Amino acid sequence: MIFGFLPNLGLAEISLILVLALIIFGPGKLPEVGKAIGKSIKEFKSAVTKVDEQISDEGKGFKE
């Protein structure tokens, strides 16, 4: 699902958000903003994965 992190938003709400973003940032700047948001989400997911791995590694020490 593309919008899995936005479970309570329907098509109308998502469309409204996109139209507002287009008005606020303008058509020329919108791809740049989208790219920055995508990069931020990727970095956040990477950090969450690293923390999960660290917690998992620490937990293995307690089981032994």
PDB file of N, CA and C in Angstrom:
ATOM      1  N   MET A   1       0.846  -1.183   0.000  1.00  0.00           N
ATOM      2  CA  MET A   1       0.000   0.000   0.000  1.00  0.00           C
ATOM      3  C   MET A   1       0.885   1.237   0.000  1.00  0.00           C
ATOM      4  N   ILE A   2       0.609   2.147  -0.887  1.00  0.00           N
ATOM      5  CA  ILE A   2       1.423   3.348  -1.027  1.00  0.00           C
ATOM      6  C   ILE A   2       1.301   4.234   0.206  1.00  0.00           C
ATOM      7  N   PHE A   3       0.095   4.407   0.690  1.00  0.00           N
ATOM      8  CA  PHE A   3      -0.138   5.296   1.819  1.00  0.00           C
ATOM      9  C   PHE A   3      -0.396   4.503   3.090  1.00  0.00           C
ATOM     10  N   GLY A   4       0.395   3.480   3.342  1.00  0.00           N
ATOM     11  CA  GLY A   4       0.225   2.625   4.505  1.00  0.00           C
ATOM     12  C   GLY A   4       0.421   3.357   5.821  1.00  0.00           C
ATOM     13  N   PHE A   5       1.206   4.403   5.807  1.00  0.00           N
ATOM     14  CA  PHE A   5       1.449   5.153   7.036  1.00  0.00           C
ATOM     15  C   PHE A   5       0.366   6.210   7.281  1.00  0.00           C
ATOM     16  N   LEU A   6      -0.610   6.303   6.387  1.00  0.00           N
ATOM     17  CA  LEU A   6      -1.726   7.241   6.539  1.00  0.00           C
ATOM     18  C   LEU A   6      -3.053   6.476   6.484  1.00  0.00           C
ATOM     19  N   PRO A   7      -3.295   5.581   7.443  1.00  0.00           N
ATOM     20  CA  PRO A   7      -4.457   4.699   7.331  1.00  0.00           C
ATOM     21  C   PRO A   7      -5.810   5.392   7.457  1.00  0.00           C
ATOM     22  N   ASN A   8      -5.887   6.531   8.103  1.00  0.00           N
ATOM     23  CA  ASN A   8      -7.170   7.179   8.332  1.00  0.00           C
ATOM     24  C   ASN A   8      -7.506   8.241   7.295  1.00  0.00           C
ATOM     25  N   LEU A   9      -6.690   8.368   6.256  1.00  0.00           N
ATOM     26  CA  LEU A   9      -6.943   9.366   5.230  1.00  0.00           C
ATOM     27  C   LEU A   9      -7.511   8.698   3.981  1.00  0.00           C
ATOM     28  N   GLY A  10      -8.596   9.275   3.476  1.00  0.00           N
ATOM     29  CA  GLY A  10      -9.183   8.773   2.245  1.00  0.00           C
ATOM     30  C   GLY A  10      -8.628   9.504   1.048  1.00  0.00           C
ATOM     31  N   LEU A  11      -9.150   9.170  -0.105  1.00  0.00           N
ATOM     32  CA  LEU A  11      -8.678   9.779  -1.346  1.00  0.00           C
ATOM     33  C   LEU A  11      -8.924  11.289  -1.357  1.00  0.00           C
ATOM     34  N   ALA A  12     -10.060  11.721  -0.825  1.00  0.00           N
ATOM     35  CA  ALA A  12     -10.373  13.156  -0.802  1.00  0.00           C
ATOM     36  C   ALA A  12      -9.378  13.929   0.066  1.00  0.00           C
ATOM     37  N   GLU A  13      -9.042  13.381   1.219  1.00  0.00           N
ATOM     38  CA  GLU A  13      -8.103  14.056   2.119  1.00  0.00           C
ATOM     39  C   GLU A  13      -6.706  14.120   1.522  1.00  0.00           C
ATOM     40  N   ILE A  14      -6.280  13.015   0.913  1.00  0.00           N
ATOM     41  CA  ILE A  14      -4.957  12.996   0.290  1.00  0.00           C
ATOM     42  C   ILE A  14      -4.899  13.973  -0.873  1.00  0.00           C
ATOM     43  N   SER A  15      -5.973  14.037  -1.650  1.00  0.00           N
ATOM     44  CA  SER A  15      -6.039  14.981  -2.770  1.00  0.00           C
ATOM     45  C   SER A  15      -5.956  16.414  -2.275  1.00  0.00           C
ATOM     46  N   LEU A  16      -6.647  16.709  -1.187  1.00  0.00           N
ATOM     47  CA  LEU A  16      -6.615  18.055  -0.612  1.00  0.00           C
ATOM     48  C   LEU A  16      -5.210  18.415  -0.149  1.00  0.00           C
ATOM     49  N   ILE A  17      -4.530  17.482   0.477  1.00  0.00           N
ATOM     50  CA  ILE A  17      -3.161  17.728   0.927  1.00  0.00           C
ATOM     51  C   ILE A  17      -2.246  18.016  -0.262  1.00  0.00           C
ATOM     52  N   LEU A  18      -2.393  17.242  -1.327  1.00  0.00           N
ATOM     53  CA  LEU A  18      -1.562  17.451  -2.514  1.00  0.00           C
ATOM     54  C   LEU A  18      -1.839  18.797  -3.176  1.00  0.00           C
ATOM     55  N   VAL A  19      -3.111  19.206  -3.234  1.00  0.00           N
ATOM     56  CA  VAL A  19      -3.461  20.503  -3.817  1.00  0.00           C
ATOM     57  C   VAL A  19      -2.889  21.634  -2.966  1.00  0.00           C
ATOM     58  N   LEU A  20      -2.993  21.513  -1.642  1.00  0.00           N
ATOM     59  CA  LEU A  20      -2.428  22.538  -0.762  1.00  0.00           C
ATOM     60  C   LEU A  20      -0.912  22.624  -0.912  1.00  0.00           C
ATOM     61  N   ALA A  21      -0.257  21.468  -1.034  1.00  0.00           N
ATOM     62  CA  ALA A  21       1.191  21.468  -1.230  1.00  0.00           C
ATOM     63  C   ALA A  21       1.545  22.153  -2.548  1.00  0.00           C
ATOM     64  N   LEU A  22       0.752  21.911  -3.569  1.00  0.00           N
ATOM     65  CA  LEU A  22       0.996  22.539  -4.866  1.00  0.00           C
ATOM     66  C   LEU A  22       0.839  24.056  -4.769  1.00  0.00           C
ATOM     67  N   ILE A  23      -0.167  24.508  -4.025  1.00  0.00           N
ATOM     68  CA  ILE A  23      -0.393  25.949  -3.855  1.00  0.00           C
ATOM     69  C   ILE A  23       0.732  26.577  -3.029  1.00  0.00           C
ATOM     70  N   ILE A  24       1.132  25.912  -1.953  1.00  0.00           N
ATOM     71  CA  ILE A  24       2.139  26.472  -1.047  1.00  0.00           C
ATOM     72  C   ILE A  24       3.523  26.503  -1.700  1.00  0.00           C
ATOM     73  N   PHE A  25       3.931  25.386  -2.302  1.00  0.00           N
ATOM     74  CA  PHE A  25       5.296  25.289  -2.826  1.00  0.00           C
ATOM     75  C   PHE A  25       5.409  25.652  -4.291  1.00  0.00           C
ATOM     76  N   GLY A  26       4.330  25.606  -5.019  1.00  0.00           N
ATOM     77  CA  GLY A  26       4.369  25.902  -6.446  1.00  0.00           C
ATOM     78  C   GLY A  26       4.822  24.698  -7.249  1.00  0.00           C
ATOM     79  N   PRO A  27       4.468  24.677  -8.518  1.00  0.00           N
ATOM     80  CA  PRO A  27       4.788  23.504  -9.339  1.00  0.00           C
ATOM     81  C   PRO A  27       6.283  23.301  -9.575  1.00  0.00           C
ATOM     82  N   GLY A  28       7.065  24.354  -9.549  1.00  0.00           N
ATOM     83  CA  GLY A  28       8.504  24.226  -9.783  1.00  0.00           C
ATOM     84  C   GLY A  28       9.248  23.632  -8.609  1.00  0.00           C
ATOM     85  N   LYS A  29       8.794  23.919  -7.410  1.00  0.00           N
ATOM     86  CA  LYS A  29       9.486  23.489  -6.199  1.00  0.00           C
ATOM     87  C   LYS A  29       8.955  22.158  -5.669  1.00  0.00           C
ATOM     88  N   LEU A  30       7.789  21.736  -6.138  1.00  0.00           N
ATOM     89  CA  LEU A  30       7.147  20.530  -5.612  1.00  0.00           C
ATOM     90  C   LEU A  30       7.995  19.265  -5.782  1.00  0.00           C
ATOM     91  N   PRO A  31       8.634  19.016  -6.926  1.00  0.00           N
ATOM     92  CA  PRO A  31       9.486  17.819  -7.026  1.00  0.00           C
ATOM     93  C   PRO A  31      10.653  17.836  -6.037  1.00  0.00           C
ATOM     94  N   GLU A  32      11.192  19.008  -5.811  1.00  0.00           N
ATOM     95  CA  GLU A  32      12.297  19.155  -4.861  1.00  0.00           C
ATOM     96  C   GLU A  32      11.831  18.829  -3.438  1.00  0.00           C
ATOM     97  N   VAL A  33      10.653  19.305  -3.074  1.00  0.00           N
ATOM     98  CA  VAL A  33      10.088  19.038  -1.750  1.00  0.00           C
ATOM     99  C   VAL A  33       9.787  17.546  -1.610  1.00  0.00           C
ATOM    100  N   GLY A  34       9.208  16.946  -2.637  1.00  0.00           N
ATOM    101  CA  GLY A  34       8.920  15.519  -2.603  1.00  0.00           C
ATOM    102  C   GLY A  34      10.165  14.676  -2.437  1.00  0.00           C
ATOM    103  N   LYS A  35      11.217  15.071  -3.125  1.00  0.00           N
ATOM    104  CA  LYS A  35      12.490  14.354  -3.023  1.00  0.00           C
ATOM    105  C   LYS A  35      13.055  14.461  -1.602  1.00  0.00           C
ATOM    106  N   ALA A  36      12.978  15.637  -1.017  1.00  0.00           N
ATOM    107  CA  ALA A  36      13.480  15.841   0.346  1.00  0.00           C
ATOM    108  C   ALA A  36      12.669  15.023   1.354  1.00  0.00           C
ATOM    109  N   ILE A  37      11.363  14.975   1.173  1.00  0.00           N
ATOM    110  CA  ILE A  37      10.514  14.197   2.075  1.00  0.00           C
ATOM    111  C   ILE A  37      10.832  12.711   1.935  1.00  0.00           C
ATOM    112  N   GLY A  38      10.977  12.249   0.702  1.00  0.00           N
ATOM    113  CA  GLY A  38      11.325  10.846   0.472  1.00  0.00           C
ATOM    114  C   GLY A  38      12.648  10.467   1.092  1.00  0.00           C
ATOM    115  N   LYS A  39      13.637  11.355   0.970  1.00  0.00           N
ATOM    116  CA  LYS A  39      14.955  11.104   1.560  1.00  0.00           C
ATOM    117  C   LYS A  39      14.859  11.043   3.085  1.00  0.00           C
ATOM    118  N   SER A  40      14.066  11.933   3.661  1.00  0.00           N
ATOM    119  CA  SER A  40      13.896  11.945   5.115  1.00  0.00           C
ATOM    120  C   SER A  40      13.231  10.662   5.602  1.00  0.00           C
ATOM    121  N   ILE A  41      12.218  10.201   4.881  1.00  0.00           N
ATOM    122  CA  ILE A  41      11.530   8.965   5.262  1.00  0.00           C
ATOM    123  C   ILE A  41      12.489   7.782   5.174  1.00  0.00           C
ATOM    124  N   LYS A  42      13.304   7.747   4.124  1.00  0.00           N
ATOM    125  CA  LYS A  42      14.279   6.670   3.954  1.00  0.00           C
ATOM    126  C   LYS A  42      15.288   6.660   5.108  1.00  0.00           C
ATOM    127  N   GLU A  43      15.789   7.835   5.482  1.00  0.00           N
ATOM    128  CA  GLU A  43      16.749   7.924   6.580  1.00  0.00           C
ATOM    129  C   GLU A  43      16.104   7.512   7.908  1.00  0.00           C
ATOM    130  N   PHE A  44      14.851   7.887   8.122  1.00  0.00           N
ATOM    131  CA  PHE A  44      14.145   7.522   9.344  1.00  0.00           C
ATOM    132  C   PHE A  44      13.969   6.008   9.427  1.00  0.00           C
ATOM    133  N   LYS A  45      13.550   5.393   8.320  1.00  0.00           N
ATOM    134  CA  LYS A  45      13.370   3.937   8.314  1.00  0.00           C
ATOM    135  C   LYS A  45      14.691   3.233   8.564  1.00  0.00           C
ATOM    136  N   SER A  46      15.765   3.753   8.004  1.00  0.00           N
ATOM    137  CA  SER A  46      17.084   3.175   8.210  1.00  0.00           C
ATOM    138  C   SER A  46      17.492   3.248   9.685  1.00  0.00           C
ATOM    139  N   ALA A  47      17.228   4.374  10.308  1.00  0.00           N
ATOM    140  CA  ALA A  47      17.558   4.543  11.721  1.00  0.00           C
ATOM    141  C   ALA A  47      16.731   3.601  12.590  1.00  0.00           C
ATOM    142  N   VAL A  48      15.459   3.436  12.271  1.00  0.00           N
ATOM    143  CA  VAL A  48      14.594   2.525  13.026  1.00  0.00           C
ATOM    144  C   VAL A  48      15.107   1.092  12.895  1.00  0.00           C
ATOM    145  N   THR A  49      15.516   0.717  11.699  1.00  0.00           N
ATOM    146  CA  THR A  49      16.050  -0.624  11.478  1.00  0.00           C
ATOM    147  C   THR A  49      17.314  -0.848  12.301  1.00  0.00           C
ATOM    148  N   LYS A  50      18.196   0.146  12.344  1.00  0.00           N
ATOM    149  CA  LYS A  50      19.432   0.022  13.125  1.00  0.00           C
ATOM    150  C   LYS A  50      19.127  -0.130  14.611  1.00  0.00           C
ATOM    151  N   VAL A  51      18.176   0.632  15.107  1.00  0.00           N
ATOM    152  CA  VAL A  51      17.805   0.536  16.527  1.00  0.00           C
ATOM    153  C   VAL A  51      17.209  -0.834  16.812  1.00  0.00           C
ATOM    154  N   ASP A  52      16.342  -1.322  15.923  1.00  0.00           N
ATOM    155  CA  ASP A  52      15.768  -2.657  16.107  1.00  0.00           C
ATOM    156  C   ASP A  52      16.852  -3.727  16.157  1.00  0.00           C
ATOM    157  N   GLU A  53      17.853  -3.610  15.276  1.00  0.00           N
ATOM    158  CA  GLU A  53      18.951  -4.573  15.265  1.00  0.00           C
ATOM    159  C   GLU A  53      19.752  -4.509  16.559  1.00  0.00           C
ATOM    160  N   GLN A  54      20.000  -3.301  17.056  1.00  0.00           N
ATOM    161  CA  GLN A  54      20.746  -3.150  18.303  1.00  0.00           C
ATOM    162  C   GLN A  54      19.978  -3.743  19.467  1.00  0.00           C
ATOM    163  N   ILE A  55      18.682  -3.515  19.519  1.00  0.00           N
ATOM    164  CA  ILE A  55      17.858  -4.061  20.599  1.00  0.00           C
ATOM    165  C   ILE A  55      17.842  -5.582  20.516  1.00  0.00           C
ATOM    166  N   SER A  56      17.734  -6.097  19.302  1.00  0.00           N
ATOM    167  CA  SER A  56      17.735  -7.543  19.105  1.00  0.00           C
ATOM    168  C   SER A  56      19.056  -8.154  19.548  1.00  0.00           C
ATOM    169  N   ASP A  57      20.153  -7.502  19.186  1.00  0.00           N
ATOM    170  CA  ASP A  57      21.474  -8.004  19.577  1.00  0.00           C
ATOM    171  C   ASP A  57      21.645  -7.974  21.096  1.00  0.00           C
ATOM    172  N   GLU A  58      21.164  -6.939  21.745  1.00  0.00           N
ATOM    173  CA  GLU A  58      21.264  -6.843  23.199  1.00  0.00           C
ATOM    174  C   GLU A  58      20.392  -7.900  23.861  1.00  0.00           C
ATOM    175  N   GLY A  59      19.244  -8.162  23.283  1.00  0.00           N
ATOM    176  CA  GLY A  59      18.333  -9.156  23.844  1.00  0.00           C
ATOM    177  C   GLY A  59      18.890 -10.562  23.760  1.00  0.00           C
ATOM    178  N   LYS A  60      19.692 -10.845  22.742  1.00  0.00           N
ATOM    179  CA  LYS A  60      20.290 -12.175  22.598  1.00  0.00           C
ATOM    180  C   LYS A  60      21.239 -12.469  23.755  1.00  0.00           C
ATOM    181  N   GLY A  61      21.892 -11.464  24.277  1.00  0.00           N
ATOM    182  CA  GLY A  61      22.814 -11.649  25.393  1.00  0.00           C
ATOM    183  C   GLY A  61      22.107 -12.080  26.667  1.00  0.00           C
ATOM    184  N   PHE A  62      20.861 -11.695  26.849  1.00  0.00           N
ATOM    185  CA  PHE A  62      20.111 -12.054  28.046  1.00  0.00           C
ATOM    186  C   PHE A  62      19.585 -13.486  27.973  1.00  0.00           C
ATOM    187  N   LYS A  63      19.343 -13.982  26.773  1.00  0.00           N
ATOM    188  CA  LYS A  63      18.790 -15.328  26.627  1.00  0.00           C
ATOM    189  C   LYS A  63      19.829 -16.413  26.901  1.00  0.00           C
ATOM    190  N   GLU A  64      21.092 -16.099  26.757  1.00  0.00           N
ATOM    191  CA  GLU A  64      22.159 -17.099  26.936  1.00  0.00           C
ATOM    192  C   GLU A  64      22.463 -17.299  28.357  1.00  0.00           C
TER     193      GLU A  64
END
